[in-house]
Amino acid sequence: MLRPSKKMLFAIEAVLDIAYHAGGEPVQSREITRRQGIPRRYLEQTLQQLVRAGMLTGVRGPRGGYRLARERRRVSVGEIVRAIRLIEVGEEEPQEVSTSDLGTKVIGPMWADLQEEIMRRLDGISIDDLCFKANHAGIESEIVKKMDFAI
């Protein structure tokens, strides 16, 4: 069964959390940990890797944290997966499944095709799409709690 790594799931969750709860303000890692239950030691590393990959921007200072580097509709899940996969494996090319003829000429290409299809599907899902799904699922954004409607 194809399964994403914990780090990959944490990365997607963290980016979605920032997009869904930020409201233009930087989101601190402790807020993400509180809301999502992602262990802080993994989270900090992952957030820094996403900053290096150009998906997040780090904001320094007491009210600092992380923001999306681009509009959430311009960040795809596929980009996040690639960034984390490159870090985990150190290369994007799939490793050979086997050295036999069946492995290299049949199983390997089939596996590569499956990975390409999965990545095409993930590229078609934006963080904005996931924010819409979260809203539709009734998950309350903390942006609403922070808004002040006093005039």
N, C-alpha and C. Protein backbone atom coordinates (compact mmCIF):
# COMPACT_ATOMS: atom_id res chain seq x y z
N MET A 1 0.84 -1.18 0.00
CA MET A 1 0.00 0.00 0.00
C MET A 1 0.88 1.24 0.00
N LEU A 2 0.57 2.19 -0.84
CA LEU A 2 1.30 3.45 -0.86
C LEU A 2 0.87 4.29 0.33
N ARG A 3 1.85 4.71 1.11
CA ARG A 3 1.53 5.52 2.29
C ARG A 3 2.46 6.70 2.36
N PRO A 4 1.92 7.88 2.58
CA PRO A 4 2.80 9.04 2.76
C PRO A 4 3.50 8.95 4.11
N SER A 5 4.68 9.54 4.19
CA SER A 5 5.40 9.55 5.46
C SER A 5 4.73 10.51 6.44
N LYS A 6 5.04 10.35 7.72
CA LYS A 6 4.50 11.25 8.73
C LYS A 6 4.95 12.68 8.43
N LYS A 7 6.20 12.82 8.05
CA LYS A 7 6.74 14.15 7.78
C LYS A 7 5.97 14.83 6.64
N MET A 8 5.63 14.05 5.61
CA MET A 8 4.88 14.59 4.48
C MET A 8 3.48 15.04 4.93
N LEU A 9 2.82 14.21 5.72
CA LEU A 9 1.49 14.57 6.22
C LEU A 9 1.56 15.79 7.14
N PHE A 10 2.58 15.84 7.99
CA PHE A 10 2.77 17.00 8.87
C PHE A 10 2.97 18.26 8.04
N ALA A 11 3.74 18.17 6.97
CA ALA A 11 4.02 19.34 6.13
C ALA A 11 2.73 19.86 5.48
N ILE A 12 1.93 18.95 4.93
CA ILE A 12 0.67 19.36 4.30
C ILE A 12 -0.26 19.98 5.34
N GLU A 13 -0.35 19.33 6.50
CA GLU A 13 -1.20 19.83 7.57
C GLU A 13 -0.76 21.21 8.06
N ALA A 14 0.55 21.39 8.19
CA ALA A 14 1.08 22.67 8.67
C ALA A 14 0.80 23.79 7.67
N VAL A 15 1.01 23.53 6.40
CA VAL A 15 0.74 24.56 5.38
C VAL A 15 -0.75 24.88 5.35
N LEU A 16 -1.58 23.86 5.42
CA LEU A 16 -3.03 24.08 5.45
C LEU A 16 -3.43 24.87 6.69
N ASP A 17 -2.86 24.54 7.83
CA ASP A 17 -3.16 25.26 9.07
C ASP A 17 -2.80 26.74 8.92
N ILE A 18 -1.64 27.03 8.38
CA ILE A 18 -1.21 28.42 8.19
C ILE A 18 -2.18 29.14 7.26
N ALA A 19 -2.55 28.50 6.17
CA ALA A 19 -3.47 29.12 5.21
C ALA A 19 -4.85 29.33 5.81
N TYR A 20 -5.31 28.38 6.60
CA TYR A 20 -6.67 28.42 7.11
C TYR A 20 -6.85 29.32 8.32
N HIS A 21 -5.81 29.45 9.13
CA HIS A 21 -5.94 30.18 10.39
C HIS A 21 -5.18 31.50 10.43
N ALA A 22 -4.40 31.82 9.40
CA ALA A 22 -3.51 32.98 9.48
C ALA A 22 -4.23 34.32 9.41
N GLY A 23 -5.02 34.53 8.40
CA GLY A 23 -5.69 35.81 8.24
C GLY A 23 -4.72 36.96 8.01
N GLY A 24 -3.63 36.70 7.36
CA GLY A 24 -2.65 37.75 7.07
C GLY A 24 -1.57 37.90 8.12
N GLU A 25 -1.78 37.32 9.29
CA GLU A 25 -0.80 37.40 10.38
C GLU A 25 0.08 36.16 10.35
N PRO A 26 1.32 36.29 10.79
CA PRO A 26 2.17 35.09 10.87
C PRO A 26 1.61 34.11 11.91
N VAL A 27 1.79 32.83 11.63
CA VAL A 27 1.32 31.78 12.53
C VAL A 27 2.53 31.17 13.22
N GLN A 28 2.50 31.12 14.53
CA GLN A 28 3.61 30.56 15.28
C GLN A 28 3.49 29.04 15.34
N SER A 29 4.64 28.40 15.38
CA SER A 29 4.64 26.93 15.39
C SER A 29 3.91 26.36 16.60
N ARG A 30 3.96 27.05 17.73
CA ARG A 30 3.25 26.52 18.90
C ARG A 30 1.73 26.53 18.68
N GLU A 31 1.24 27.49 17.88
CA GLU A 31 -0.20 27.49 17.57
C GLU A 31 -0.56 26.29 16.70
N ILE A 32 0.31 25.97 15.75
CA ILE A 32 0.06 24.80 14.88
C ILE A 32 0.09 23.53 15.72
N THR A 33 1.08 23.44 16.62
CA THR A 33 1.18 22.29 17.51
C THR A 33 -0.09 22.15 18.35
N ARG A 34 -0.58 23.26 18.89
CA ARG A 34 -1.79 23.23 19.72
C ARG A 34 -3.00 22.75 18.92
N ARG A 35 -3.15 23.29 17.72
CA ARG A 35 -4.34 22.95 16.92
C ARG A 35 -4.26 21.56 16.29
N GLN A 36 -3.08 21.18 15.79
CA GLN A 36 -2.96 19.96 15.01
C GLN A 36 -2.33 18.79 15.76
N GLY A 37 -1.70 19.07 16.89
CA GLY A 37 -1.06 17.99 17.64
C GLY A 37 0.20 17.46 17.00
N ILE A 38 0.79 18.23 16.10
CA ILE A 38 2.04 17.82 15.46
C ILE A 38 3.18 18.04 16.46
N PRO A 39 4.00 17.03 16.71
CA PRO A 39 5.11 17.23 17.64
C PRO A 39 6.00 18.38 17.21
N ARG A 40 6.32 19.25 18.14
CA ARG A 40 7.05 20.48 17.81
C ARG A 40 8.42 20.21 17.21
N ARG A 41 9.10 19.15 17.65
CA ARG A 41 10.44 18.88 17.12
C ARG A 41 10.39 18.57 15.63
N TYR A 42 9.34 17.86 15.17
CA TYR A 42 9.17 17.60 13.73
C TYR A 42 8.71 18.86 13.02
N LEU A 43 7.83 19.56 13.65
CA LEU A 43 7.21 20.72 13.02
C LEU A 43 8.23 21.80 12.66
N GLU A 44 9.08 22.16 13.60
CA GLU A 44 10.07 23.22 13.33
C GLU A 44 10.96 22.86 12.16
N GLN A 45 11.46 21.63 12.13
CA GLN A 45 12.30 21.19 11.01
C GLN A 45 11.54 21.27 9.70
N THR A 46 10.33 20.80 9.71
CA THR A 46 9.51 20.77 8.49
C THR A 46 9.22 22.18 8.01
N LEU A 47 8.87 23.09 8.92
CA LEU A 47 8.58 24.46 8.54
C LEU A 47 9.82 25.13 7.93
N GLN A 48 10.97 24.89 8.51
CA GLN A 48 12.20 25.47 7.97
C GLN A 48 12.50 24.92 6.57
N GLN A 49 12.24 23.64 6.36
CA GLN A 49 12.45 23.05 5.04
C GLN A 49 11.49 23.65 4.02
N LEU A 50 10.27 23.94 4.44
CA LEU A 50 9.30 24.55 3.53
C LEU A 50 9.66 26.01 3.24
N VAL A 51 10.30 26.68 4.19
CA VAL A 51 10.81 28.03 3.93
C VAL A 51 11.91 27.96 2.87
N ARG A 52 12.84 27.02 3.04
CA ARG A 52 13.93 26.86 2.06
C ARG A 52 13.40 26.48 0.68
N ALA A 53 12.29 25.74 0.65
CA ALA A 53 11.69 25.33 -0.62
C ALA A 53 10.86 26.45 -1.26
N GLY A 54 10.68 27.58 -0.54
CA GLY A 54 9.96 28.71 -1.10
C GLY A 54 8.46 28.68 -0.94
N MET A 55 7.94 27.79 -0.11
CA MET A 55 6.50 27.74 0.09
C MET A 55 6.03 28.58 1.26
N LEU A 56 6.90 28.74 2.24
CA LEU A 56 6.58 29.56 3.40
C LEU A 56 7.62 30.67 3.53
N THR A 57 7.23 31.70 4.26
CA THR A 57 8.15 32.79 4.61
C THR A 57 8.19 32.86 6.13
N GLY A 58 9.39 32.92 6.66
CA GLY A 58 9.55 33.05 8.10
C GLY A 58 9.56 34.52 8.49
N VAL A 59 8.86 34.86 9.55
CA VAL A 59 8.79 36.24 10.06
C VAL A 59 9.41 36.23 11.45
N ARG A 60 10.46 37.01 11.63
CA ARG A 60 11.15 37.05 12.93
C ARG A 60 10.47 38.01 13.89
N GLY A 61 10.80 37.86 15.17
CA GLY A 61 10.29 38.78 16.17
C GLY A 61 9.29 38.13 17.09
N PRO A 62 8.89 38.87 18.13
CA PRO A 62 7.97 38.31 19.13
C PRO A 62 6.60 37.93 18.56
N ARG A 63 6.17 38.61 17.53
CA ARG A 63 4.88 38.26 16.90
C ARG A 63 5.11 37.56 15.58
N GLY A 64 6.31 37.00 15.44
CA GLY A 64 6.69 36.33 14.20
C GLY A 64 6.07 34.95 14.08
N GLY A 65 6.44 34.30 13.02
CA GLY A 65 5.92 32.97 12.75
C GLY A 65 6.13 32.65 11.29
N TYR A 66 5.14 32.03 10.68
CA TYR A 66 5.23 31.61 9.28
C TYR A 66 4.00 32.06 8.51
N ARG A 67 4.25 32.42 7.26
CA ARG A 67 3.19 32.79 6.31
C ARG A 67 3.40 32.01 5.03
N LEU A 68 2.35 31.89 4.25
CA LEU A 68 2.51 31.35 2.90
C LEU A 68 3.33 32.33 2.08
N ALA A 69 4.21 31.82 1.25
CA ALA A 69 5.04 32.67 0.40
C ALA A 69 4.24 33.16 -0.81
N ARG A 70 3.17 32.44 -1.16
CA ARG A 70 2.31 32.82 -2.28
C ARG A 70 0.86 32.69 -1.85
N GLU A 71 -0.05 33.17 -2.68
CA GLU A 71 -1.47 32.99 -2.41
C GLU A 71 -1.77 31.51 -2.28
N ARG A 72 -2.71 31.18 -1.41
CA ARG A 72 -2.99 29.77 -1.16
C ARG A 72 -3.53 29.05 -2.39
N ARG A 73 -4.11 29.75 -3.31
CA ARG A 73 -4.58 29.10 -4.53
C ARG A 73 -3.43 28.76 -5.48
N ARG A 74 -2.25 29.32 -5.20
CA ARG A 74 -1.08 29.08 -6.04
C ARG A 74 -0.08 28.09 -5.42
N VAL A 75 -0.48 27.46 -4.32
CA VAL A 75 0.35 26.43 -3.68
C VAL A 75 -0.38 25.10 -3.81
N SER A 76 0.26 24.14 -4.46
CA SER A 76 -0.38 22.84 -4.63
C SER A 76 0.17 21.83 -3.62
N VAL A 77 -0.64 20.84 -3.35
CA VAL A 77 -0.22 19.76 -2.47
C VAL A 77 0.97 19.03 -3.10
N GLY A 78 0.96 18.92 -4.42
CA GLY A 78 2.07 18.28 -5.12
C GLY A 78 3.41 18.96 -4.85
N GLU A 79 3.41 20.29 -4.79
CA GLU A 79 4.65 21.02 -4.50
C GLU A 79 5.17 20.68 -3.11
N ILE A 80 4.27 20.61 -2.16
CA ILE A 80 4.67 20.29 -0.79
C ILE A 80 5.25 18.88 -0.73
N VAL A 81 4.58 17.94 -1.38
CA VAL A 81 5.04 16.55 -1.40
C VAL A 81 6.43 16.46 -2.03
N ARG A 82 6.62 17.15 -3.16
CA ARG A 82 7.94 17.12 -3.81
C ARG A 82 9.03 17.69 -2.91
N ALA A 83 8.73 18.80 -2.25
CA ALA A 83 9.73 19.44 -1.38
C ALA A 83 10.13 18.49 -0.25
N ILE A 84 9.18 17.84 0.36
CA ILE A 84 9.48 16.94 1.47
C ILE A 84 10.14 15.67 0.95
N ARG A 85 9.69 15.18 -0.18
CA ARG A 85 10.28 13.96 -0.75
C ARG A 85 11.73 14.18 -1.13
N LEU A 86 12.04 15.33 -1.68
CA LEU A 86 13.43 15.64 -2.02
C LEU A 86 14.31 15.65 -0.78
N ILE A 87 13.76 16.15 0.29
CA ILE A 87 14.52 16.22 1.54
C ILE A 87 14.68 14.82 2.14
N GLU A 88 13.61 14.03 2.09
CA GLU A 88 13.65 12.69 2.69
C GLU A 88 14.57 11.75 1.92
N VAL A 89 14.48 11.78 0.60
CA VAL A 89 15.21 10.83 -0.22
C VAL A 89 16.52 11.44 -0.74
N GLY A 90 16.53 12.75 -0.94
CA GLY A 90 17.71 13.40 -1.48
C GLY A 90 17.70 13.43 -3.00
N GLU A 91 16.70 12.84 -3.60
CA GLU A 91 16.57 12.83 -5.06
C GLU A 91 15.11 12.58 -5.40
N GLU A 92 14.72 12.99 -6.58
CA GLU A 92 13.32 12.81 -6.95
C GLU A 92 13.09 11.54 -7.75
N GLU A 93 14.11 11.02 -8.39
CA GLU A 93 13.95 9.82 -9.22
C GLU A 93 13.63 8.61 -8.35
N PRO A 94 12.66 7.80 -8.75
CA PRO A 94 12.37 6.59 -8.00
C PRO A 94 13.52 5.60 -8.12
N GLN A 95 13.76 4.88 -7.06
CA GLN A 95 14.81 3.89 -7.09
C GLN A 95 14.29 2.63 -7.77
N GLU A 96 15.21 1.88 -8.38
CA GLU A 96 14.81 0.66 -9.07
C GLU A 96 14.21 -0.33 -8.09
N VAL A 97 13.16 -1.01 -8.54
CA VAL A 97 12.47 -1.98 -7.72
C VAL A 97 13.28 -3.28 -7.67
N SER A 98 13.85 -3.67 -8.81
CA SER A 98 14.53 -4.94 -8.92
C SER A 98 15.57 -4.85 -10.03
N THR A 99 16.45 -5.84 -10.08
CA THR A 99 17.42 -5.89 -11.17
C THR A 99 17.05 -6.94 -12.20
N SER A 100 15.95 -7.69 -11.98
CA SER A 100 15.50 -8.69 -12.95
C SER A 100 14.82 -8.00 -14.12
N ASP A 101 14.67 -8.73 -15.22
CA ASP A 101 13.97 -8.18 -16.39
C ASP A 101 12.54 -7.78 -16.05
N LEU A 102 11.83 -8.63 -15.32
CA LEU A 102 10.45 -8.29 -14.94
C LEU A 102 10.42 -7.04 -14.08
N GLY A 103 11.36 -6.94 -13.16
CA GLY A 103 11.40 -5.78 -12.27
C GLY A 103 11.74 -4.50 -13.01
N THR A 104 12.74 -4.53 -13.87
CA THR A 104 13.18 -3.30 -14.54
C THR A 104 12.31 -2.93 -15.74
N LYS A 105 11.73 -3.92 -16.42
CA LYS A 105 10.98 -3.63 -17.64
C LYS A 105 9.47 -3.59 -17.45
N VAL A 106 8.98 -4.14 -16.34
CA VAL A 106 7.53 -4.19 -16.14
C VAL A 106 7.14 -3.48 -14.84
N ILE A 107 7.64 -3.98 -13.72
CA ILE A 107 7.24 -3.44 -12.42
C ILE A 107 7.73 -2.01 -12.23
N GLY A 108 8.99 -1.75 -12.55
CA GLY A 108 9.55 -0.40 -12.39
C GLY A 108 8.77 0.66 -13.17
N PRO A 109 8.55 0.45 -14.48
CA PRO A 109 7.76 1.43 -15.25
C PRO A 109 6.32 1.58 -14.75
N MET A 110 5.72 0.46 -14.32
CA MET A 110 4.36 0.55 -13.78
C MET A 110 4.36 1.43 -12.53
N TRP A 111 5.32 1.22 -11.66
CA TRP A 111 5.42 1.99 -10.43
C TRP A 111 5.66 3.47 -10.74
N ALA A 112 6.51 3.74 -11.69
CA ALA A 112 6.79 5.13 -12.09
C ALA A 112 5.53 5.79 -12.64
N ASP A 113 4.75 5.06 -13.44
CA ASP A 113 3.49 5.60 -13.98
C ASP A 113 2.51 5.92 -12.85
N LEU A 114 2.43 5.03 -11.87
CA LEU A 114 1.54 5.28 -10.73
C LEU A 114 1.98 6.53 -9.97
N GLN A 115 3.27 6.68 -9.75
CA GLN A 115 3.76 7.86 -9.03
C GLN A 115 3.47 9.13 -9.82
N GLU A 116 3.65 9.08 -11.14
CA GLU A 116 3.35 10.26 -11.97
C GLU A 116 1.87 10.62 -11.88
N GLU A 117 1.01 9.61 -11.91
CA GLU A 117 -0.44 9.86 -11.83
C GLU A 117 -0.81 10.48 -10.49
N ILE A 118 -0.24 9.94 -9.43
CA ILE A 118 -0.50 10.49 -8.09
C ILE A 118 -0.04 11.94 -8.03
N MET A 119 1.15 12.23 -8.55
CA MET A 119 1.66 13.60 -8.50
C MET A 119 0.80 14.55 -9.35
N ARG A 120 0.31 14.08 -10.49
CA ARG A 120 -0.59 14.91 -11.31
C ARG A 120 -1.85 15.26 -10.52
N ARG A 121 -2.38 14.27 -9.82
CA ARG A 121 -3.58 14.53 -9.01
C ARG A 121 -3.29 15.50 -7.88
N LEU A 122 -2.15 15.33 -7.21
CA LEU A 122 -1.78 16.22 -6.11
C LEU A 122 -1.49 17.64 -6.62
N ASP A 123 -0.93 17.74 -7.82
CA ASP A 123 -0.69 19.06 -8.41
C ASP A 123 -2.00 19.79 -8.69
N GLY A 124 -3.06 19.04 -8.88
CA GLY A 124 -4.37 19.64 -9.16
C GLY A 124 -5.13 20.06 -7.91
N ILE A 125 -4.56 19.82 -6.74
CA ILE A 125 -5.22 20.19 -5.49
C ILE A 125 -4.44 21.35 -4.87
N SER A 126 -5.10 22.49 -4.74
CA SER A 126 -4.44 23.65 -4.13
C SER A 126 -4.76 23.70 -2.64
N ILE A 127 -3.96 24.45 -1.93
CA ILE A 127 -4.22 24.68 -0.50
C ILE A 127 -5.56 25.40 -0.35
N ASP A 128 -5.91 26.25 -1.30
CA ASP A 128 -7.21 26.91 -1.28
C ASP A 128 -8.34 25.88 -1.36
N ASP A 129 -8.18 24.85 -2.20
CA ASP A 129 -9.19 23.78 -2.28
C ASP A 129 -9.37 23.11 -0.92
N LEU A 130 -8.25 22.85 -0.22
CA LEU A 130 -8.33 22.20 1.08
C LEU A 130 -8.94 23.11 2.13
N CYS A 131 -8.67 24.42 2.03
CA CYS A 131 -9.30 25.38 2.94
C CYS A 131 -10.81 25.38 2.74
N PHE A 132 -11.24 25.33 1.50
CA PHE A 132 -12.66 25.27 1.19
C PHE A 132 -13.28 24.01 1.80
N LYS A 133 -12.59 22.86 1.66
CA LYS A 133 -13.09 21.61 2.23
C LYS A 133 -13.17 21.69 3.75
N ALA A 134 -12.16 22.30 4.36
CA ALA A 134 -12.17 22.44 5.83
C ALA A 134 -13.35 23.29 6.27
N ASN A 135 -13.61 24.36 5.56
CA ASN A 135 -14.74 25.23 5.88
C ASN A 135 -16.05 24.48 5.69
N HIS A 136 -16.15 23.75 4.59
CA HIS A 136 -17.36 22.97 4.29
C HIS A 136 -17.58 21.87 5.33
N ALA A 137 -16.48 21.35 5.89
CA ALA A 137 -16.58 20.30 6.91
C ALA A 137 -16.93 20.86 8.29
N GLY A 138 -17.05 22.19 8.37
CA GLY A 138 -17.45 22.81 9.62
C GLY A 138 -16.30 23.10 10.58
N ILE A 139 -15.08 23.06 10.10
CA ILE A 139 -13.93 23.38 10.94
C ILE A 139 -13.83 24.89 11.03
N GLU A 140 -13.93 25.40 12.24
CA GLU A 140 -13.92 26.85 12.43
C GLU A 140 -12.51 27.39 12.32
N SER A 141 -12.35 28.43 11.54
CA SER A 141 -11.05 29.09 11.39
C SER A 141 -10.86 30.07 12.53
N GLU A 142 -9.66 30.15 13.04
CA GLU A 142 -9.39 31.08 14.13
C GLU A 142 -9.34 32.52 13.64
N ILE A 143 -9.40 32.74 12.34
CA ILE A 143 -9.46 34.10 11.80
C ILE A 143 -10.72 34.79 12.31
N VAL A 144 -11.82 34.05 12.33
CA VAL A 144 -13.10 34.61 12.77
C VAL A 144 -13.00 35.07 14.22
N LYS A 145 -12.33 34.30 15.07
CA LYS A 145 -12.19 34.65 16.49
C LYS A 145 -11.34 35.92 16.66
N LYS A 146 -10.38 36.13 15.75
CA LYS A 146 -9.47 37.27 15.88
C LYS A 146 -10.07 38.57 15.32
N MET A 147 -11.10 38.44 14.51
CA MET A 147 -11.68 39.63 13.88
C MET A 147 -12.37 40.51 14.92
N ASP A 148 -12.21 41.78 14.73
CA ASP A 148 -12.86 42.76 15.61
C ASP A 148 -13.75 43.63 14.73
N PHE A 149 -15.04 43.56 14.96
CA PHE A 149 -15.97 44.28 14.11
C PHE A 149 -16.36 45.64 14.70
N ALA A 150 -15.71 46.07 15.76
CA ALA A 150 -16.03 47.37 16.37
C ALA A 150 -15.61 48.50 15.42
N ILE A 151 -16.45 49.51 15.38
CA ILE A 151 -16.16 50.67 14.51
C ILE A 151 -15.86 51.87 15.36
